[in-house]
PDB file of all heavy atoms in Angstrom:
ATOM      1  N   GLN A   1      -0.955  -7.458  -8.574  1.00  0.00           N
ATOM      2  CA  GLN A   1      -1.879  -8.472  -9.072  1.00  0.00           C
ATOM      3  C   GLN A   1      -2.933  -8.710  -8.014  1.00  0.00           C
ATOM      4  O   GLN A   1      -2.605  -9.075  -6.875  1.00  0.00           O
ATOM      5  CB  GLN A   1      -1.137  -9.769  -9.389  1.00  0.00           C
ATOM      6  CG  GLN A   1      -2.026 -10.890  -9.872  1.00  0.00           C
ATOM      7  CD  GLN A   1      -2.651 -10.613 -11.231  1.00  0.00           C
ATOM      8  OE1 GLN A   1      -1.993 -10.096 -12.130  1.00  0.00           O
ATOM      9  NE2 GLN A   1      -3.924 -10.935 -11.374  1.00  0.00           N
ATOM     10  N   MET A   2      -4.185  -8.526  -8.374  1.00  0.00           N
ATOM     11  CA  MET A   2      -5.283  -8.630  -7.408  1.00  0.00           C
ATOM     12  C   MET A   2      -6.191  -9.770  -7.839  1.00  0.00           C
ATOM     13  O   MET A   2      -6.801  -9.710  -8.918  1.00  0.00           O
ATOM     14  CB  MET A   2      -6.059  -7.313  -7.351  1.00  0.00           C
ATOM     15  CG  MET A   2      -5.180  -6.103  -7.073  1.00  0.00           C
ATOM     16  SD  MET A   2      -6.123  -4.613  -6.774  1.00  0.00           S
ATOM     17  CE  MET A   2      -6.963  -4.407  -8.337  1.00  0.00           C
ATOM     18  N   ASN A   3      -6.268 -10.782  -7.013  1.00  0.00           N
ATOM     19  CA  ASN A   3      -7.098 -11.954  -7.291  1.00  0.00           C
ATOM     20  C   ASN A   3      -8.205 -12.070  -6.239  1.00  0.00           C
ATOM     21  O   ASN A   3      -8.131 -11.440  -5.177  1.00  0.00           O
ATOM     22  CB  ASN A   3      -6.263 -13.230  -7.283  1.00  0.00           C
ATOM     23  CG  ASN A   3      -5.179 -13.220  -8.364  1.00  0.00           C
ATOM     24  OD1 ASN A   3      -5.358 -12.631  -9.429  1.00  0.00           O
ATOM     25  ND2 ASN A   3      -4.058 -13.868  -8.078  1.00  0.00           N
ATOM     26  N   SER A   4      -9.182 -12.874  -6.535  1.00  0.00           N
ATOM     27  CA  SER A   4     -10.292 -13.129  -5.612  1.00  0.00           C
ATOM     28  C   SER A   4     -10.871 -11.830  -5.090  1.00  0.00           C
ATOM     29  O   SER A   4     -11.073 -11.659  -3.880  1.00  0.00           O
ATOM     30  CB  SER A   4      -9.822 -14.017  -4.441  1.00  0.00           C
ATOM     31  OG  SER A   4      -9.300 -15.235  -4.913  1.00  0.00           O
ATOM     32  N   LEU A   5     -11.124 -10.920  -5.992  1.00  0.00           N
ATOM     33  CA  LEU A   5     -11.581  -9.588  -5.596  1.00  0.00           C
ATOM     34  C   LEU A   5     -12.957  -9.629  -4.940  1.00  0.00           C
ATOM     35  O   LEU A   5     -13.823 -10.439  -5.297  1.00  0.00           O
ATOM     36  CB  LEU A   5     -11.586  -8.658  -6.802  1.00  0.00           C
ATOM     37  CG  LEU A   5     -10.179  -8.172  -7.196  1.00  0.00           C
ATOM     38  CD1 LEU A   5     -10.161  -7.639  -8.620  1.00  0.00           C
ATOM     39  CD2 LEU A   5      -9.700  -7.108  -6.226  1.00  0.00           C
ATOM     40  N   LYS A   6     -13.147  -8.730  -3.982  1.00  0.00           N
ATOM     41  CA  LYS A   6     -14.378  -8.627  -3.225  1.00  0.00           C
ATOM     42  C   LYS A   6     -14.948  -7.217  -3.416  1.00  0.00           C
ATOM     43  O   LYS A   6     -14.197  -6.282  -3.700  1.00  0.00           O
ATOM     44  CB  LYS A   6     -14.094  -8.844  -1.735  1.00  0.00           C
ATOM     45  CG  LYS A   6     -13.364 -10.138  -1.404  1.00  0.00           C
ATOM     46  CD  LYS A   6     -13.022 -10.185   0.077  1.00  0.00           C
ATOM     47  CE  LYS A   6     -12.262 -11.450   0.422  1.00  0.00           C
ATOM     48  NZ  LYS A   6     -11.916 -11.502   1.857  1.00  0.00           N
ATOM     49  N   PRO A   7     -16.239  -7.072  -3.199  1.00  0.00           N
ATOM     50  CA  PRO A   7     -16.819  -5.732  -3.305  1.00  0.00           C
ATOM     51  C   PRO A   7     -16.124  -4.697  -2.411  1.00  0.00           C
ATOM     52  O   PRO A   7     -16.009  -3.534  -2.789  1.00  0.00           O
ATOM     53  CB  PRO A   7     -18.275  -5.946  -2.895  1.00  0.00           C
ATOM     54  CG  PRO A   7     -18.549  -7.365  -3.281  1.00  0.00           C
ATOM     55  CD  PRO A   7     -17.268  -8.094  -3.020  1.00  0.00           C
ATOM     56  N   GLU A   8     -15.645  -5.130  -1.268  1.00  0.00           N
ATOM     57  CA  GLU A   8     -14.971  -4.192  -0.357  1.00  0.00           C
ATOM     58  C   GLU A   8     -13.598  -3.770  -0.851  1.00  0.00           C
ATOM     59  O   GLU A   8     -12.948  -2.905  -0.244  1.00  0.00           O
ATOM     60  CB  GLU A   8     -14.871  -4.783   1.065  1.00  0.00           C
ATOM     61  CG  GLU A   8     -14.281  -6.169   1.119  1.00  0.00           C
ATOM     62  CD  GLU A   8     -15.345  -7.266   1.162  1.00  0.00           C
ATOM     63  OE1 GLU A   8     -16.360  -7.160   0.431  1.00  0.00           O
ATOM     64  OE2 GLU A   8     -15.157  -8.215   1.954  1.00  0.00           O
ATOM     65  N   ASP A   9     -13.123  -4.342  -1.943  1.00  0.00           N
ATOM     66  CA  ASP A   9     -11.874  -3.887  -2.559  1.00  0.00           C
ATOM     67  C   ASP A   9     -12.113  -2.670  -3.471  1.00  0.00           C
ATOM     68  O   ASP A   9     -11.153  -2.083  -3.973  1.00  0.00           O
ATOM     69  CB  ASP A   9     -11.237  -5.003  -3.389  1.00  0.00           C
ATOM     70  CG  ASP A   9     -10.766  -6.157  -2.541  1.00  0.00           C
ATOM     71  OD1 ASP A   9     -10.189  -5.917  -1.454  1.00  0.00           O
ATOM     72  OD2 ASP A   9     -10.975  -7.325  -2.963  1.00  0.00           O
ATOM     73  N   THR A  10     -13.357  -2.317  -3.679  1.00  0.00           N
ATOM     74  CA  THR A  10     -13.683  -1.170  -4.523  1.00  0.00           C
ATOM     75  C   THR A  10     -13.089   0.102  -3.934  1.00  0.00           C
ATOM     76  O   THR A  10     -13.333   0.441  -2.779  1.00  0.00           O
ATOM     77  CB  THR A  10     -15.204  -1.033  -4.670  1.00  0.00           C
ATOM     78  OG1 THR A  10     -15.723  -2.179  -5.370  1.00  0.00           O
ATOM     79  CG2 THR A  10     -15.561   0.241  -5.429  1.00  0.00           C
ATOM     80  N   ALA A  11     -12.304   0.797  -4.738  1.00  0.00           N
ATOM     81  CA  ALA A  11     -11.616   2.007  -4.291  1.00  0.00           C
ATOM     82  C   ALA A  11     -10.830   2.593  -5.452  1.00  0.00           C
ATOM     83  O   ALA A  11     -10.683   1.964  -6.499  1.00  0.00           O
ATOM     84  CB  ALA A  11     -10.670   1.701  -3.130  1.00  0.00           C
ATOM     85  N   VAL A  12     -10.306   3.780  -5.237  1.00  0.00           N
ATOM     86  CA  VAL A  12      -9.281   4.320  -6.136  1.00  0.00           C
ATOM     87  C   VAL A  12      -7.927   3.862  -5.590  1.00  0.00           C
ATOM     88  O   VAL A  12      -7.653   4.016  -4.404  1.00  0.00           O
ATOM     89  CB  VAL A  12      -9.330   5.854  -6.209  1.00  0.00           C
ATOM     90  CG1 VAL A  12      -8.223   6.380  -7.124  1.00  0.00           C
ATOM     91  CG2 VAL A  12     -10.685   6.320  -6.712  1.00  0.00           C
ATOM     92  N   TYR A  13      -7.140   3.268  -6.450  1.00  0.00           N
ATOM     93  CA  TYR A  13      -5.839   2.733  -6.061  1.00  0.00           C
ATOM     94  C   TYR A  13      -4.736   3.671  -6.576  1.00  0.00           C
ATOM     95  O   TYR A  13      -4.745   4.090  -7.740  1.00  0.00           O
ATOM     96  CB  TYR A  13      -5.646   1.330  -6.652  1.00  0.00           C
ATOM     97  CG  TYR A  13      -6.418   0.286  -5.905  1.00  0.00           C
ATOM     98  CD1 TYR A  13      -7.810   0.228  -5.987  1.00  0.00           C
ATOM     99  CD2 TYR A  13      -5.772  -0.642  -5.081  1.00  0.00           C
ATOM    100  CE1 TYR A  13      -8.528  -0.720  -5.281  1.00  0.00           C
ATOM    101  CE2 TYR A  13      -6.487  -1.586  -4.372  1.00  0.00           C
ATOM    102  CZ  TYR A  13      -7.861  -1.625  -4.476  1.00  0.00           C
ATOM    103  OH  TYR A  13      -8.569  -2.566  -3.773  1.00  0.00           O
ATOM    104  N   PHE A  14      -3.820   3.985  -5.664  1.00  0.00           N
ATOM    105  CA  PHE A  14      -2.705   4.879  -5.964  1.00  0.00           C
ATOM    106  C   PHE A  14      -1.391   4.154  -5.692  1.00  0.00           C
ATOM    107  O   PHE A  14      -1.311   3.346  -4.781  1.00  0.00           O
ATOM    108  CB  PHE A  14      -2.727   6.101  -5.029  1.00  0.00           C
ATOM    109  CG  PHE A  14      -3.971   6.925  -5.099  1.00  0.00           C
ATOM    110  CD1 PHE A  14      -5.077   6.615  -4.312  1.00  0.00           C
ATOM    111  CD2 PHE A  14      -4.035   8.036  -5.914  1.00  0.00           C
ATOM    112  CE1 PHE A  14      -6.243   7.389  -4.358  1.00  0.00           C
ATOM    113  CE2 PHE A  14      -5.168   8.817  -5.969  1.00  0.00           C
ATOM    114  CZ  PHE A  14      -6.272   8.488  -5.186  1.00  0.00           C
ATOM    115  N   CYS A  15      -0.361   4.501  -6.453  1.00  0.00           N
ATOM    116  CA  CYS A  15       0.975   4.069  -6.096  1.00  0.00           C
ATOM    117  C   CYS A  15       1.795   5.286  -5.692  1.00  0.00           C
ATOM    118  O   CYS A  15       1.514   6.420  -6.117  1.00  0.00           O
ATOM    119  CB  CYS A  15       1.658   3.300  -7.229  1.00  0.00           C
ATOM    120  SG  CYS A  15       1.943   4.208  -8.750  1.00  0.00           S
ATOM    121  N   ALA A  16       2.789   5.041  -4.855  1.00  0.00           N
ATOM    122  CA  ALA A  16       3.649   6.116  -4.364  1.00  0.00           C
ATOM    123  C   ALA A  16       5.067   5.590  -4.236  1.00  0.00           C
ATOM    124  O   ALA A  16       5.270   4.413  -3.907  1.00  0.00           O
ATOM    125  CB  ALA A  16       3.145   6.633  -3.034  1.00  0.00           C
ATOM    126  N   ALA A  17       6.032   6.447  -4.486  1.00  0.00           N
ATOM    127  CA  ALA A  17       7.442   6.107  -4.337  1.00  0.00           C
ATOM    128  C   ALA A  17       8.018   6.803  -3.120  1.00  0.00           C
ATOM    129  O   ALA A  17       7.705   7.985  -2.848  1.00  0.00           O
ATOM    130  CB  ALA A  17       8.208   6.547  -5.590  1.00  0.00           C
ATOM    131  N   MET A  18       8.853   6.070  -2.389  1.00  0.00           N
ATOM    132  CA  MET A  18       9.403   6.624  -1.149  1.00  0.00           C
ATOM    133  C   MET A  18      10.737   5.959  -0.863  1.00  0.00           C
ATOM    134  O   MET A  18      11.093   4.944  -1.467  1.00  0.00           O
ATOM    135  CB  MET A  18       8.434   6.336  -0.004  1.00  0.00           C
ATOM    136  CG  MET A  18       8.169   4.854   0.196  1.00  0.00           C
ATOM    137  SD  MET A  18       6.739   4.566   1.245  1.00  0.00           S
ATOM    138  CE  MET A  18       6.661   2.792   1.187  1.00  0.00           C
ATOM    139  N   ASP A  19      11.427   6.506   0.114  1.00  0.00           N
ATOM    140  CA  ASP A  19      12.678   5.897   0.533  1.00  0.00           C
ATOM    141  C   ASP A  19      12.419   4.503   1.090  1.00  0.00           C
ATOM    142  O   ASP A  19      11.387   4.264   1.737  1.00  0.00           O
ATOM    143  CB  ASP A  19      13.312   6.779   1.618  1.00  0.00           C
ATOM    144  CG  ASP A  19      14.718   6.327   1.962  1.00  0.00           C
ATOM    145  OD1 ASP A  19      14.825   5.380   2.777  1.00  0.00           O
ATOM    146  OD2 ASP A  19      15.673   6.873   1.421  1.00  0.00           O
ATOM    147  N   ASN A  20      13.343   3.591   0.828  1.00  0.00           N
ATOM    148  CA  ASN A  20      13.171   2.203   1.288  1.00  0.00           C
ATOM    149  C   ASN A  20      12.933   2.087   2.794  1.00  0.00           C
ATOM    150  O   ASN A  20      12.276   1.153   3.254  1.00  0.00           O
ATOM    151  CB  ASN A  20      14.405   1.384   0.902  1.00  0.00           C
ATOM    152  CG  ASN A  20      14.372   0.930  -0.536  1.00  0.00           C
ATOM    153  OD1 ASN A  20      13.460   0.226  -0.950  1.00  0.00           O
ATOM    154  ND2 ASN A  20      15.355   1.360  -1.308  1.00  0.00           N
ATOM    155  N   TYR A  21      13.407   3.047   3.553  1.00  0.00           N
ATOM    156  CA  TYR A  21      13.284   3.027   5.006  1.00  0.00           C
ATOM    157  C   TYR A  21      11.828   2.924   5.433  1.00  0.00           C
ATOM    158  O   TYR A  21      11.507   2.326   6.473  1.00  0.00           O
ATOM    159  CB  TYR A  21      13.912   4.278   5.577  1.00  0.00           C
ATOM    160  CG  TYR A  21      13.695   4.485   7.048  1.00  0.00           C
ATOM    161  CD1 TYR A  21      14.468   3.814   7.986  1.00  0.00           C
ATOM    162  CD2 TYR A  21      12.687   5.340   7.497  1.00  0.00           C
ATOM    163  CE1 TYR A  21      14.248   3.986   9.327  1.00  0.00           C
ATOM    164  CE2 TYR A  21      12.481   5.524   8.848  1.00  0.00           C
ATOM    165  CZ  TYR A  21      13.273   4.849   9.761  1.00  0.00           C
ATOM    166  OH  TYR A  21      13.054   5.033  11.091  1.00  0.00           O
ATOM    167  N   TYR A  22      10.916   3.488   4.657  1.00  0.00           N
ATOM    168  CA  TYR A  22       9.535   3.622   5.100  1.00  0.00           C
ATOM    169  C   TYR A  22       8.669   2.396   4.829  1.00  0.00           C
ATOM    170  O   TYR A  22       7.498   2.375   5.182  1.00  0.00           O
ATOM    171  CB  TYR A  22       8.906   4.840   4.410  1.00  0.00           C
ATOM    172  CG  TYR A  22       9.555   6.139   4.798  1.00  0.00           C
ATOM    173  CD1 TYR A  22      10.141   6.973   3.841  1.00  0.00           C
ATOM    174  CD2 TYR A  22       9.607   6.544   6.127  1.00  0.00           C
ATOM    175  CE1 TYR A  22      10.721   8.164   4.208  1.00  0.00           C
ATOM    176  CE2 TYR A  22      10.206   7.733   6.496  1.00  0.00           C
ATOM    177  CZ  TYR A  22      10.760   8.529   5.529  1.00  0.00           C
ATOM    178  OH  TYR A  22      11.340   9.722   5.876  1.00  0.00           O
ATOM    179  N   CYS A  23       9.258   1.385   4.185  1.00  0.00           N
ATOM    180  CA  CYS A  23       8.513   0.149   3.894  1.00  0.00           C
ATOM    181  C   CYS A  23       9.165  -1.003   4.646  1.00  0.00           C
ATOM    182  O   CYS A  23      10.360  -1.218   4.494  1.00  0.00           O
ATOM    183  CB  CYS A  23       8.535  -0.117   2.392  1.00  0.00           C
ATOM    184  SG  CYS A  23       7.951  -1.756   1.885  1.00  0.00           S
ATOM    185  N   SER A  24       8.391  -1.706   5.470  1.00  0.00           N
ATOM    186  CA  SER A  24       8.926  -2.862   6.171  1.00  0.00           C
ATOM    187  C   SER A  24       7.961  -4.022   6.005  1.00  0.00           C
ATOM    188  O   SER A  24       6.850  -3.855   5.515  1.00  0.00           O
ATOM    189  CB  SER A  24       9.130  -2.558   7.649  1.00  0.00           C
ATOM    190  OG  SER A  24       7.896  -2.672   8.345  1.00  0.00           O
ATOM    191  N   ALA A  25       8.375  -5.171   6.440  1.00  0.00           N
ATOM    192  CA  ALA A  25       7.516  -6.366   6.378  1.00  0.00           C
ATOM    193  C   ALA A  25       6.300  -6.228   7.284  1.00  0.00           C
ATOM    194  O   ALA A  25       5.325  -6.986   7.154  1.00  0.00           O
ATOM    195  CB  ALA A  25       8.317  -7.607   6.760  1.00  0.00           C
ATOM    196  N   TYR A  26       6.333  -5.257   8.207  1.00  0.00           N
ATOM    197  CA  TYR A  26       5.260  -5.095   9.178  1.00  0.00           C
ATOM    198  C   TYR A  26       4.325  -3.948   8.819  1.00  0.00           C
ATOM    199  O   TYR A  26       3.300  -3.744   9.475  1.00  0.00           O
ATOM    200  CB  TYR A  26       5.844  -4.899  10.572  1.00  0.00           C
ATOM    201  CG  TYR A  26       6.792  -6.008  10.933  1.00  0.00           C
ATOM    202  CD1 TYR A  26       8.171  -5.842  10.865  1.00  0.00           C
ATOM    203  CD2 TYR A  26       6.309  -7.260  11.308  1.00  0.00           C
ATOM    204  CE1 TYR A  26       9.028  -6.873  11.165  1.00  0.00           C
ATOM    205  CE2 TYR A  26       7.163  -8.287  11.625  1.00  0.00           C
ATOM    206  CZ  TYR A  26       8.531  -8.097  11.549  1.00  0.00           C
ATOM    207  OH  TYR A  26       9.375  -9.119  11.826  1.00  0.00           O
ATOM    208  N   GLY A  27       4.701  -3.169   7.793  1.00  0.00           N
ATOM    209  CA  GLY A  27       3.821  -2.083   7.390  1.00  0.00           C
ATOM    210  C   GLY A  27       4.576  -0.897   6.894  1.00  0.00           C
ATOM    211  O   GLY A  27       5.800  -0.881   6.778  1.00  0.00           O
ATOM    212  N   LEU A  28       3.793   0.128   6.594  1.00  0.00           N
ATOM    213  CA  LEU A  28       4.342   1.401   6.130  1.00  0.00           C
ATOM    214  C   LEU A  28       4.604   2.296   7.348  1.00  0.00           C
ATOM    215  O   LEU A  28       3.775   2.375   8.246  1.00  0.00           O
ATOM    216  CB  LEU A  28       3.369   2.073   5.182  1.00  0.00           C
ATOM    217  CG  LEU A  28       3.180   1.332   3.854  1.00  0.00           C
ATOM    218  CD1 LEU A  28       1.875   1.714   3.199  1.00  0.00           C
ATOM    219  CD2 LEU A  28       4.345   1.600   2.940  1.00  0.00           C
ATOM    220  N   TYR A  29       5.742   2.944   7.358  1.00  0.00           N
ATOM    221  CA  TYR A  29       6.092   3.841   8.439  1.00  0.00           C
ATOM    222  C   TYR A  29       5.025   4.943   8.536  1.00  0.00           C
ATOM    223  O   TYR A  29       4.705   5.578   7.534  1.00  0.00           O
ATOM    224  CB  TYR A  29       7.464   4.432   8.177  1.00  0.00           C
ATOM    225  CG  TYR A  29       8.033   5.236   9.284  1.00  0.00           C
ATOM    226  CD1 TYR A  29       8.511   4.624  10.428  1.00  0.00           C
ATOM    227  CD2 TYR A  29       8.135   6.619   9.192  1.00  0.00           C
ATOM    228  CE1 TYR A  29       9.045   5.360  11.459  1.00  0.00           C
ATOM    229  CE2 TYR A  29       8.663   7.364  10.208  1.00  0.00           C
ATOM    230  CZ  TYR A  29       9.118   6.727  11.340  1.00  0.00           C
ATOM    231  OH  TYR A  29       9.643   7.467  12.347  1.00  0.00           O
ATOM    232  N   PRO A  30       4.489   5.172   9.727  1.00  0.00           N
ATOM    233  CA  PRO A  30       3.360   6.115   9.846  1.00  0.00           C
ATOM    234  C   PRO A  30       3.636   7.519   9.336  1.00  0.00           C
ATOM    235  O   PRO A  30       2.720   8.175   8.851  1.00  0.00           O
ATOM    236  CB  PRO A  30       3.088   6.123  11.360  1.00  0.00           C
ATOM    237  CG  PRO A  30       3.638   4.841  11.857  1.00  0.00           C
ATOM    238  CD  PRO A  30       4.832   4.546  11.001  1.00  0.00           C
ATOM    239  N   PHE A  31       4.851   7.973   9.452  1.00  0.00           N
ATOM    240  CA  PHE A  31       5.145   9.353   9.039  1.00  0.00           C
ATOM    241  C   PHE A  31       6.044   9.376   7.804  1.00  0.00           C
ATOM    242  O   PHE A  31       6.904  10.215   7.664  1.00  0.00           O
ATOM    243  CB  PHE A  31       5.793  10.107  10.207  1.00  0.00           C
ATOM    244  CG  PHE A  31       4.918  10.153  11.416  1.00  0.00           C
ATOM    245  CD1 PHE A  31       5.165   9.297  12.497  1.00  0.00           C
ATOM    246  CD2 PHE A  31       3.843  10.995  11.481  1.00  0.00           C
ATOM    247  CE1 PHE A  31       4.338   9.331  13.604  1.00  0.00           C
ATOM    248  CE2 PHE A  31       3.018  11.031  12.576  1.00  0.00           C
ATOM    249  CZ  PHE A  31       3.256  10.187  13.656  1.00  0.00           C
ATOM    250  N   ALA A  32       5.789   8.420   6.910  1.00  0.00           N
ATOM    251  CA  ALA A  32       6.584   8.321   5.694  1.00  0.00           C
ATOM    252  C   ALA A  32       6.478   9.584   4.850  1.00  0.00           C
ATOM    253  O   ALA A  32       5.429  10.218   4.800  1.00  0.00           O
ATOM    254  CB  ALA A  32       6.146   7.117   4.879  1.00  0.00           C
ATOM    255  N   GLN A  33       7.572   9.914   4.217  1.00  0.00           N
ATOM    256  CA  GLN A  33       7.605  11.004   3.260  1.00  0.00           C
ATOM    257  C   GLN A  33       7.557  10.371   1.869  1.00  0.00           C
ATOM    258  O   GLN A  33       8.384   9.543   1.537  1.00  0.00           O
ATOM    259  CB  GLN A  33       8.913  11.788   3.396  1.00  0.00           C
ATOM    260  CG  GLN A  33       9.176  12.329   4.803  1.00  0.00           C
ATOM    261  CD  GLN A  33       8.330  13.550   5.100  1.00  0.00           C
ATOM    262  OE1 GLN A  33       8.016  14.317   4.215  1.00  0.00           O
ATOM    263  NE2 GLN A  33       7.952  13.701   6.347  1.00  0.00           N
TER     264      GLN A  33
END
């Protein structure tokens, strides 16, 4: 859900599925598979 959208949000948006290990509260693991 994207609210208060700004022009700088303009992009192609992708989703990806990965092992839970690669997602943390601090970010995405840099070398995620």
